[in-house]
PDB file of all heavy atoms in Angstrom:
ATOM      1  N   ASN A   1      -8.541 -19.315  28.737  1.00  0.00           N
ATOM      2  CA  ASN A   1      -9.762 -19.442  27.931  1.00  0.00           C
ATOM      3  C   ASN A   1     -10.639 -20.575  28.450  1.00  0.00           C
ATOM      4  O   ASN A   1     -11.859 -20.422  28.571  1.00  0.00           O
ATOM      5  CB  ASN A   1      -9.417 -19.666  26.463  1.00  0.00           C
ATOM      6  CG  ASN A   1      -8.813 -18.432  25.812  1.00  0.00           C
ATOM      7  OD1 ASN A   1      -8.945 -17.328  26.317  1.00  0.00           O
ATOM      8  ND2 ASN A   1      -8.139 -18.629  24.701  1.00  0.00           N
ATOM      9  N   ALA A   2     -10.022 -21.712  28.759  1.00  0.00           N
ATOM     10  CA  ALA A   2     -10.783 -22.847  29.288  1.00  0.00           C
ATOM     11  C   ALA A   2     -11.420 -22.486  30.623  1.00  0.00           C
ATOM     12  O   ALA A   2     -12.577 -22.832  30.888  1.00  0.00           O
ATOM     13  CB  ALA A   2      -9.873 -24.065  29.438  1.00  0.00           C
ATOM     14  N   GLN A   3     -10.684 -21.777  31.454  1.00  0.00           N
ATOM     15  CA  GLN A   3     -11.204 -21.376  32.761  1.00  0.00           C
ATOM     16  C   GLN A   3     -12.363 -20.396  32.600  1.00  0.00           C
ATOM     17  O   GLN A   3     -13.353 -20.464  33.334  1.00  0.00           O
ATOM     18  CB  GLN A   3     -10.089 -20.756  33.590  1.00  0.00           C
ATOM     19  CG  GLN A   3     -10.456 -20.521  35.038  1.00  0.00           C
ATOM     20  CD  GLN A   3      -9.279 -20.020  35.846  1.00  0.00           C
ATOM     21  OE1 GLN A   3      -8.528 -19.176  35.376  1.00  0.00           O
ATOM     22  NE2 GLN A   3      -9.119 -20.539  37.045  1.00  0.00           N
ATOM     23  N   GLN A   4     -12.257 -19.487  31.635  1.00  0.00           N
ATOM     24  CA  GLN A   4     -13.335 -18.533  31.406  1.00  0.00           C
ATOM     25  C   GLN A   4     -14.599 -19.245  30.916  1.00  0.00           C
ATOM     26  O   GLN A   4     -15.709 -18.897  31.330  1.00  0.00           O
ATOM     27  CB  GLN A   4     -12.897 -17.462  30.408  1.00  0.00           C
ATOM     28  CG  GLN A   4     -11.907 -16.478  30.997  1.00  0.00           C
ATOM     29  CD  GLN A   4     -11.334 -15.518  29.973  1.00  0.00           C
ATOM     30  OE1 GLN A   4     -11.259 -15.821  28.788  1.00  0.00           O
ATOM     31  NE2 GLN A   4     -10.912 -14.351  30.440  1.00  0.00           N
ATOM     32  N   VAL A   5     -14.424 -20.241  30.056  1.00  0.00           N
ATOM     33  CA  VAL A   5     -15.574 -21.017  29.576  1.00  0.00           C
ATOM     34  C   VAL A   5     -16.220 -21.753  30.747  1.00  0.00           C
ATOM     35  O   VAL A   5     -17.450 -21.760  30.904  1.00  0.00           O
ATOM     36  CB  VAL A   5     -15.138 -22.009  28.470  1.00  0.00           C
ATOM     37  CG1 VAL A   5     -16.216 -23.035  28.182  1.00  0.00           C
ATOM     38  CG2 VAL A   5     -14.766 -21.254  27.200  1.00  0.00           C
ATOM     39  N   GLU A   6     -15.391 -22.354  31.594  1.00  0.00           N
ATOM     40  CA  GLU A   6     -15.913 -23.069  32.758  1.00  0.00           C
ATOM     41  C   GLU A   6     -16.609 -22.113  33.722  1.00  0.00           C
ATOM     42  O   GLU A   6     -17.684 -22.428  34.257  1.00  0.00           O
ATOM     43  CB  GLU A   6     -14.783 -23.810  33.482  1.00  0.00           C
ATOM     44  CG  GLU A   6     -15.257 -24.635  34.643  1.00  0.00           C
ATOM     45  CD  GLU A   6     -14.132 -25.403  35.328  1.00  0.00           C
ATOM     46  OE1 GLU A   6     -13.025 -25.471  34.785  1.00  0.00           O
ATOM     47  OE2 GLU A   6     -14.375 -25.917  36.421  1.00  0.00           O
ATOM     48  N   SER A   7     -16.024 -20.948  33.932  1.00  0.00           N
ATOM     49  CA  SER A   7     -16.640 -19.957  34.827  1.00  0.00           C
ATOM     50  C   SER A   7     -17.996 -19.521  34.290  1.00  0.00           C
ATOM     51  O   SER A   7     -18.951 -19.372  35.059  1.00  0.00           O
ATOM     52  CB  SER A   7     -15.726 -18.737  34.977  1.00  0.00           C
ATOM     53  OG  SER A   7     -14.558 -19.081  35.679  1.00  0.00           O
ATOM     54  N   GLN A   8     -18.075 -19.306  32.989  1.00  0.00           N
ATOM     55  CA  GLN A   8     -19.354 -18.911  32.382  1.00  0.00           C
ATOM     56  C   GLN A   8     -20.390 -20.014  32.567  1.00  0.00           C
ATOM     57  O   GLN A   8     -21.546 -19.740  32.901  1.00  0.00           O
ATOM     58  CB  GLN A   8     -19.159 -18.599  30.889  1.00  0.00           C
ATOM     59  CG  GLN A   8     -20.439 -18.187  30.187  1.00  0.00           C
ATOM     60  CD  GLN A   8     -21.042 -16.907  30.737  1.00  0.00           C
ATOM     61  OE1 GLN A   8     -20.344 -16.045  31.237  1.00  0.00           O
ATOM     62  NE2 GLN A   8     -22.350 -16.797  30.645  1.00  0.00           N
ATOM     63  N   ALA A   9     -19.974 -21.258  32.369  1.00  0.00           N
ATOM     64  CA  ALA A   9     -20.901 -22.380  32.554  1.00  0.00           C
ATOM     65  C   ALA A   9     -21.365 -22.460  34.004  1.00  0.00           C
ATOM     66  O   ALA A   9     -22.553 -22.704  34.279  1.00  0.00           O
ATOM     67  CB  ALA A   9     -20.225 -23.687  32.138  1.00  0.00           C
ATOM     68  N   LEU A  10     -20.454 -22.223  34.942  1.00  0.00           N
ATOM     69  CA  LEU A  10     -20.828 -22.243  36.360  1.00  0.00           C
ATOM     70  C   LEU A  10     -21.785 -21.103  36.699  1.00  0.00           C
ATOM     71  O   LEU A  10     -22.742 -21.291  37.447  1.00  0.00           O
ATOM     72  CB  LEU A  10     -19.580 -22.176  37.239  1.00  0.00           C
ATOM     73  CG  LEU A  10     -18.718 -23.434  37.267  1.00  0.00           C
ATOM     74  CD1 LEU A  10     -17.415 -23.176  38.020  1.00  0.00           C
ATOM     75  CD2 LEU A  10     -19.464 -24.599  37.877  1.00  0.00           C
ATOM     76  N   ARG A  11     -21.525 -19.921  36.136  1.00  0.00           N
ATOM     77  CA  ARG A  11     -22.432 -18.789  36.373  1.00  0.00           C
ATOM     78  C   ARG A  11     -23.831 -19.101  35.842  1.00  0.00           C
ATOM     79  O   ARG A  11     -24.837 -18.802  36.498  1.00  0.00           O
ATOM     80  CB  ARG A  11     -21.898 -17.519  35.711  1.00  0.00           C
ATOM     81  CG  ARG A  11     -20.816 -16.807  36.517  1.00  0.00           C
ATOM     82  CD  ARG A  11     -20.536 -15.416  35.978  1.00  0.00           C
ATOM     83  NE  ARG A  11     -19.930 -15.425  34.668  1.00  0.00           N
ATOM     84  CZ  ARG A  11     -18.620 -15.541  34.430  1.00  0.00           C
ATOM     85  NH1 ARG A  11     -17.782 -15.655  35.441  1.00  0.00           N
ATOM     86  NH2 ARG A  11     -18.161 -15.544  33.203  1.00  0.00           N
ATOM     87  N   GLN A  12     -23.880 -19.719  34.668  1.00  0.00           N
ATOM     88  CA  GLN A  12     -25.180 -20.086  34.106  1.00  0.00           C
ATOM     89  C   GLN A  12     -25.876 -21.120  34.983  1.00  0.00           C
ATOM     90  O   GLN A  12     -27.089 -21.046  35.197  1.00  0.00           O
ATOM     91  CB  GLN A  12     -25.011 -20.613  32.683  1.00  0.00           C
ATOM     92  CG  GLN A  12     -24.625 -19.536  31.687  1.00  0.00           C
ATOM     93  CD  GLN A  12     -24.286 -20.087  30.318  1.00  0.00           C
ATOM     94  OE1 GLN A  12     -24.167 -21.296  30.122  1.00  0.00           O
ATOM     95  NE2 GLN A  12     -24.117 -19.200  29.348  1.00  0.00           N
ATOM     96  N   GLU A  13     -25.112 -22.073  35.495  1.00  0.00           N
ATOM     97  CA  GLU A  13     -25.681 -23.098  36.372  1.00  0.00           C
ATOM     98  C   GLU A  13     -26.187 -22.472  37.672  1.00  0.00           C
ATOM     99  O   GLU A  13     -27.263 -22.825  38.169  1.00  0.00           O
ATOM    100  CB  GLU A  13     -24.637 -24.174  36.673  1.00  0.00           C
ATOM    101  CG  GLU A  13     -25.092 -25.250  37.619  1.00  0.00           C
ATOM    102  CD  GLU A  13     -26.260 -26.081  37.093  1.00  0.00           C
ATOM    103  OE1 GLU A  13     -26.463 -26.151  35.866  1.00  0.00           O
ATOM    104  OE2 GLU A  13     -26.986 -26.665  37.927  1.00  0.00           O
ATOM    105  N   ILE A  14     -25.433 -21.524  38.209  1.00  0.00           N
ATOM    106  CA  ILE A  14     -25.865 -20.832  39.437  1.00  0.00           C
ATOM    107  C   ILE A  14     -27.136 -20.037  39.163  1.00  0.00           C
ATOM    108  O   ILE A  14     -28.074 -20.065  39.975  1.00  0.00           O
ATOM    109  CB  ILE A  14     -24.734 -19.921  39.979  1.00  0.00           C
ATOM    110  CG1 ILE A  14     -23.622 -20.785  40.570  1.00  0.00           C
ATOM    111  CG2 ILE A  14     -25.264 -18.934  41.007  1.00  0.00           C
ATOM    112  CD1 ILE A  14     -22.355 -20.021  40.904  1.00  0.00           C
ATOM    113  N   ASP A  15     -27.191 -19.351  38.023  1.00  0.00           N
ATOM    114  CA  ASP A  15     -28.397 -18.585  37.679  1.00  0.00           C
ATOM    115  C   ASP A  15     -29.601 -19.519  37.560  1.00  0.00           C
ATOM    116  O   ASP A  15     -30.687 -19.206  38.062  1.00  0.00           O
ATOM    117  CB  ASP A  15     -28.206 -17.833  36.362  1.00  0.00           C
ATOM    118  CG  ASP A  15     -27.245 -16.654  36.487  1.00  0.00           C
ATOM    119  OD1 ASP A  15     -26.950 -16.250  37.636  1.00  0.00           O
ATOM    120  OD2 ASP A  15     -26.783 -16.159  35.438  1.00  0.00           O
ATOM    121  N   ARG A  16     -29.423 -20.646  36.890  1.00  0.00           N
ATOM    122  CA  ARG A  16     -30.509 -21.612  36.736  1.00  0.00           C
ATOM    123  C   ARG A  16     -30.953 -22.126  38.095  1.00  0.00           C
ATOM    124  O   ARG A  16     -32.145 -22.190  38.409  1.00  0.00           O
ATOM    125  CB  ARG A  16     -30.070 -22.782  35.857  1.00  0.00           C
ATOM    126  CG  ARG A  16     -31.178 -23.797  35.589  1.00  0.00           C
ATOM    127  CD  ARG A  16     -30.651 -25.111  35.032  1.00  0.00           C
ATOM    128  NE  ARG A  16     -29.717 -25.771  35.924  1.00  0.00           N
ATOM    129  CZ  ARG A  16     -30.052 -26.433  37.029  1.00  0.00           C
ATOM    130  NH1 ARG A  16     -31.310 -26.528  37.393  1.00  0.00           N
ATOM    131  NH2 ARG A  16     -29.135 -27.006  37.775  1.00  0.00           N
ATOM    132  N   SER A  17     -29.971 -22.464  38.932  1.00  0.00           N
ATOM    133  CA  SER A  17     -30.261 -22.972  40.274  1.00  0.00           C
ATOM    134  C   SER A  17     -30.992 -21.915  41.105  1.00  0.00           C
ATOM    135  O   SER A  17     -31.940 -22.230  41.829  1.00  0.00           O
ATOM    136  CB  SER A  17     -28.968 -23.387  40.960  1.00  0.00           C
ATOM    137  OG  SER A  17     -29.200 -23.819  42.266  1.00  0.00           O
ATOM    138  N   ASP A  18     -30.557 -20.664  40.984  1.00  0.00           N
ATOM    139  CA  ASP A  18     -31.222 -19.577  41.717  1.00  0.00           C
ATOM    140  C   ASP A  18     -32.682 -19.444  41.284  1.00  0.00           C
ATOM    141  O   ASP A  18     -33.571 -19.243  42.125  1.00  0.00           O
ATOM    142  CB  ASP A  18     -30.492 -18.248  41.495  1.00  0.00           C
ATOM    143  CG  ASP A  18     -29.192 -18.148  42.275  1.00  0.00           C
ATOM    144  OD1 ASP A  18     -28.932 -19.016  43.138  1.00  0.00           O
ATOM    145  OD2 ASP A  18     -28.420 -17.194  42.006  1.00  0.00           O
ATOM    146  N   ARG A  19     -32.926 -19.541  39.979  1.00  0.00           N
ATOM    147  CA  ARG A  19     -34.309 -19.448  39.490  1.00  0.00           C
ATOM    148  C   ARG A  19     -35.144 -20.616  40.015  1.00  0.00           C
ATOM    149  O   ARG A  19     -36.285 -20.429  40.454  1.00  0.00           O
ATOM    150  CB  ARG A  19     -34.330 -19.425  37.959  1.00  0.00           C
ATOM    151  CG  ARG A  19     -33.880 -18.100  37.357  1.00  0.00           C
ATOM    152  CD  ARG A  19     -34.147 -18.040  35.870  1.00  0.00           C
ATOM    153  NE  ARG A  19     -33.503 -19.098  35.112  1.00  0.00           N
ATOM    154  CZ  ARG A  19     -32.257 -19.072  34.655  1.00  0.00           C
ATOM    155  NH1 ARG A  19     -31.507 -18.008  34.878  1.00  0.00           N
ATOM    156  NH2 ARG A  19     -31.764 -20.073  33.971  1.00  0.00           N
ATOM    157  N   GLU A  20     -34.572 -21.814  39.988  1.00  0.00           N
ATOM    158  CA  GLU A  20     -35.296 -22.986  40.503  1.00  0.00           C
ATOM    159  C   GLU A  20     -35.569 -22.846  41.999  1.00  0.00           C
ATOM    160  O   GLU A  20     -36.667 -23.179  42.470  1.00  0.00           O
ATOM    161  CB  GLU A  20     -34.505 -24.261  40.233  1.00  0.00           C
ATOM    162  CG  GLU A  20     -34.502 -24.691  38.782  1.00  0.00           C
ATOM    163  CD  GLU A  20     -33.666 -25.939  38.543  1.00  0.00           C
ATOM    164  OE1 GLU A  20     -33.093 -26.498  39.509  1.00  0.00           O
ATOM    165  OE2 GLU A  20     -33.585 -26.359  37.379  1.00  0.00           O
ATOM    166  N   ASN A  21     -34.578 -22.370  42.738  1.00  0.00           N
ATOM    167  CA  ASN A  21     -34.757 -22.187  44.180  1.00  0.00           C
ATOM    168  C   ASN A  21     -35.820 -21.131  44.475  1.00  0.00           C
ATOM    169  O   ASN A  21     -36.623 -21.291  45.396  1.00  0.00           O
ATOM    170  CB  ASN A  21     -33.429 -21.809  44.842  1.00  0.00           C
ATOM    171  CG  ASN A  21     -32.461 -22.971  44.904  1.00  0.00           C
ATOM    172  OD1 ASN A  21     -32.853 -24.126  44.795  1.00  0.00           O
ATOM    173  ND2 ASN A  21     -31.178 -22.677  45.070  1.00  0.00           N
ATOM    174  N   ALA A  22     -35.829 -20.062  43.692  1.00  0.00           N
ATOM    175  CA  ALA A  22     -36.831 -19.016  43.890  1.00  0.00           C
ATOM    176  C   ALA A  22     -38.229 -19.572  43.625  1.00  0.00           C
ATOM    177  O   ALA A  22     -39.172 -19.286  44.369  1.00  0.00           O
ATOM    178  CB  ALA A  22     -36.537 -17.825  42.978  1.00  0.00           C
ATOM    179  N   ALA A  23     -38.346 -20.380  42.572  1.00  0.00           N
ATOM    180  CA  ALA A  23     -39.646 -20.980  42.259  1.00  0.00           C
ATOM    181  C   ALA A  23     -40.075 -21.941  43.365  1.00  0.00           C
ATOM    182  O   ALA A  23     -41.242 -21.951  43.777  1.00  0.00           O
ATOM    183  CB  ALA A  23     -39.581 -21.704  40.915  1.00  0.00           C
ATOM    184  N   ALA A  24     -39.137 -22.744  43.855  1.00  0.00           N
ATOM    185  CA  ALA A  24     -39.453 -23.691  44.931  1.00  0.00           C
ATOM    186  C   ALA A  24     -39.848 -22.944  46.201  1.00  0.00           C
ATOM    187  O   ALA A  24     -40.784 -23.347  46.906  1.00  0.00           O
ATOM    188  CB  ALA A  24     -38.260 -24.606  45.200  1.00  0.00           C
ATOM    189  N   LEU A  25     -39.157 -21.853  46.488  1.00  0.00           N
ATOM    190  CA  LEU A  25     -39.482 -21.056  47.673  1.00  0.00           C
ATOM    191  C   LEU A  25     -40.877 -20.436  47.536  1.00  0.00           C
ATOM    192  O   LEU A  25     -41.651 -20.415  48.499  1.00  0.00           O
ATOM    193  CB  LEU A  25     -38.433 -19.973  47.884  1.00  0.00           C
ATOM    194  CG  LEU A  25     -38.606 -19.092  49.110  1.00  0.00           C
ATOM    195  CD1 LEU A  25     -38.628 -19.924  50.390  1.00  0.00           C
ATOM    196  CD2 LEU A  25     -37.519 -18.051  49.169  1.00  0.00           C
ATOM    197  N   ALA A  26     -41.199 -19.972  46.343  1.00  0.00           N
ATOM    198  CA  ALA A  26     -42.529 -19.395  46.115  1.00  0.00           C
ATOM    199  C   ALA A  26     -43.609 -20.460  46.331  1.00  0.00           C
ATOM    200  O   ALA A  26     -44.637 -20.196  46.971  1.00  0.00           O
ATOM    201  CB  ALA A  26     -42.613 -18.813  44.711  1.00  0.00           C
ATOM    202  N   GLN A  27     -43.362 -21.669  45.815  1.00  0.00           N
ATOM    203  CA  GLN A  27     -44.328 -22.756  46.011  1.00  0.00           C
ATOM    204  C   GLN A  27     -44.466 -23.108  47.486  1.00  0.00           C
ATOM    205  O   GLN A  27     -45.580 -23.313  47.988  1.00  0.00           O
ATOM    206  CB  GLN A  27     -43.891 -24.013  45.239  1.00  0.00           C
ATOM    207  CG  GLN A  27     -44.174 -23.968  43.766  1.00  0.00           C
ATOM    208  CD  GLN A  27     -43.783 -25.284  43.108  1.00  0.00           C
ATOM    209  OE1 GLN A  27     -42.918 -26.012  43.587  1.00  0.00           O
ATOM    210  NE2 GLN A  27     -44.434 -25.582  41.988  1.00  0.00           N
ATOM    211  N   LEU A  28     -43.340 -23.175  48.166  1.00  0.00           N
ATOM    212  CA  LEU A  28     -43.369 -23.498  49.589  1.00  0.00           C
ATOM    213  C   LEU A  28     -44.124 -22.426  50.370  1.00  0.00           C
ATOM    214  O   LEU A  28     -44.930 -22.741  51.251  1.00  0.00           O
ATOM    215  CB  LEU A  28     -41.940 -23.641  50.116  1.00  0.00           C
ATOM    216  CG  LEU A  28     -41.773 -24.027  51.574  1.00  0.00           C
ATOM    217  CD1 LEU A  28     -42.477 -25.353  51.868  1.00  0.00           C
ATOM    218  CD2 LEU A  28     -40.307 -24.110  51.932  1.00  0.00           C
ATOM    219  N   THR A  29     -43.887 -21.175  50.028  1.00  0.00           N
ATOM    220  CA  THR A  29     -44.588 -20.074  50.685  1.00  0.00           C
ATOM    221  C   THR A  29     -46.101 -20.186  50.457  1.00  0.00           C
ATOM    222  O   THR A  29     -46.889 -20.000  51.388  1.00  0.00           O
ATOM    223  CB  THR A  29     -44.060 -18.716  50.170  1.00  0.00           C
ATOM    224  OG1 THR A  29     -42.665 -18.641  50.443  1.00  0.00           O
ATOM    225  CG2 THR A  29     -44.777 -17.553  50.819  1.00  0.00           C
ATOM    226  N   GLU A  30     -46.485 -20.509  49.228  1.00  0.00           N
ATOM    227  CA  GLU A  30     -47.911 -20.688  48.937  1.00  0.00           C
ATOM    228  C   GLU A  30     -48.497 -21.825  49.768  1.00  0.00           C
ATOM    229  O   GLU A  30     -49.604 -21.701  50.298  1.00  0.00           O
ATOM    230  CB  GLU A  30     -48.113 -20.980  47.445  1.00  0.00           C
ATOM    231  CG  GLU A  30     -47.869 -19.792  46.542  1.00  0.00           C
ATOM    232  CD  GLU A  30     -47.950 -20.177  45.065  1.00  0.00           C
ATOM    233  OE1 GLU A  30     -48.417 -21.286  44.730  1.00  0.00           O
ATOM    234  OE2 GLU A  30     -47.532 -19.347  44.237  1.00  0.00           O
ATOM    235  N   ARG A  31     -47.773 -22.912  49.895  1.00  0.00           N
ATOM    236  CA  ARG A  31     -48.266 -24.057  50.668  1.00  0.00           C
ATOM    237  C   ARG A  31     -48.394 -23.714  52.153  1.00  0.00           C
ATOM    238  O   ARG A  31     -49.359 -24.095  52.812  1.00  0.00           O
ATOM    239  CB  ARG A  31     -47.353 -25.267  50.484  1.00  0.00           C
ATOM    240  CG  ARG A  31     -47.447 -25.871  49.095  1.00  0.00           C
ATOM    241  CD  ARG A  31     -46.480 -26.998  48.923  1.00  0.00           C
ATOM    242  NE  ARG A  31     -46.520 -27.523  47.562  1.00  0.00           N
ATOM    243  CZ  ARG A  31     -45.684 -28.414  47.098  1.00  0.00           C
ATOM    244  NH1 ARG A  31     -44.733 -28.904  47.878  1.00  0.00           N
ATOM    245  NH2 ARG A  31     -45.786 -28.826  45.850  1.00  0.00           N
ATOM    246  N   VAL A  32     -47.393 -23.001  52.664  1.00  0.00           N
ATOM    247  CA  VAL A  32     -47.449 -22.591  54.074  1.00  0.00           C
ATOM    248  C   VAL A  32     -48.635 -21.656  54.293  1.00  0.00           C
ATOM    249  O   VAL A  32     -49.375 -21.796  55.283  1.00  0.00           O
ATOM    250  CB  VAL A  32     -46.114 -21.927  54.511  1.00  0.00           C
ATOM    251  CG1 VAL A  32     -46.260 -21.236  55.862  1.00  0.00           C
ATOM    252  CG2 VAL A  32     -44.994 -22.967  54.563  1.00  0.00           C
TER     253      VAL A  32
END
């Protein structure tokens, strides 16, 4: 159960990071 909670938190963190990276890439593309 603890591992599943941690895995879910990591998945959420990865999703958040992916969204931030996509936004940063879009900004970088606009600047280029």
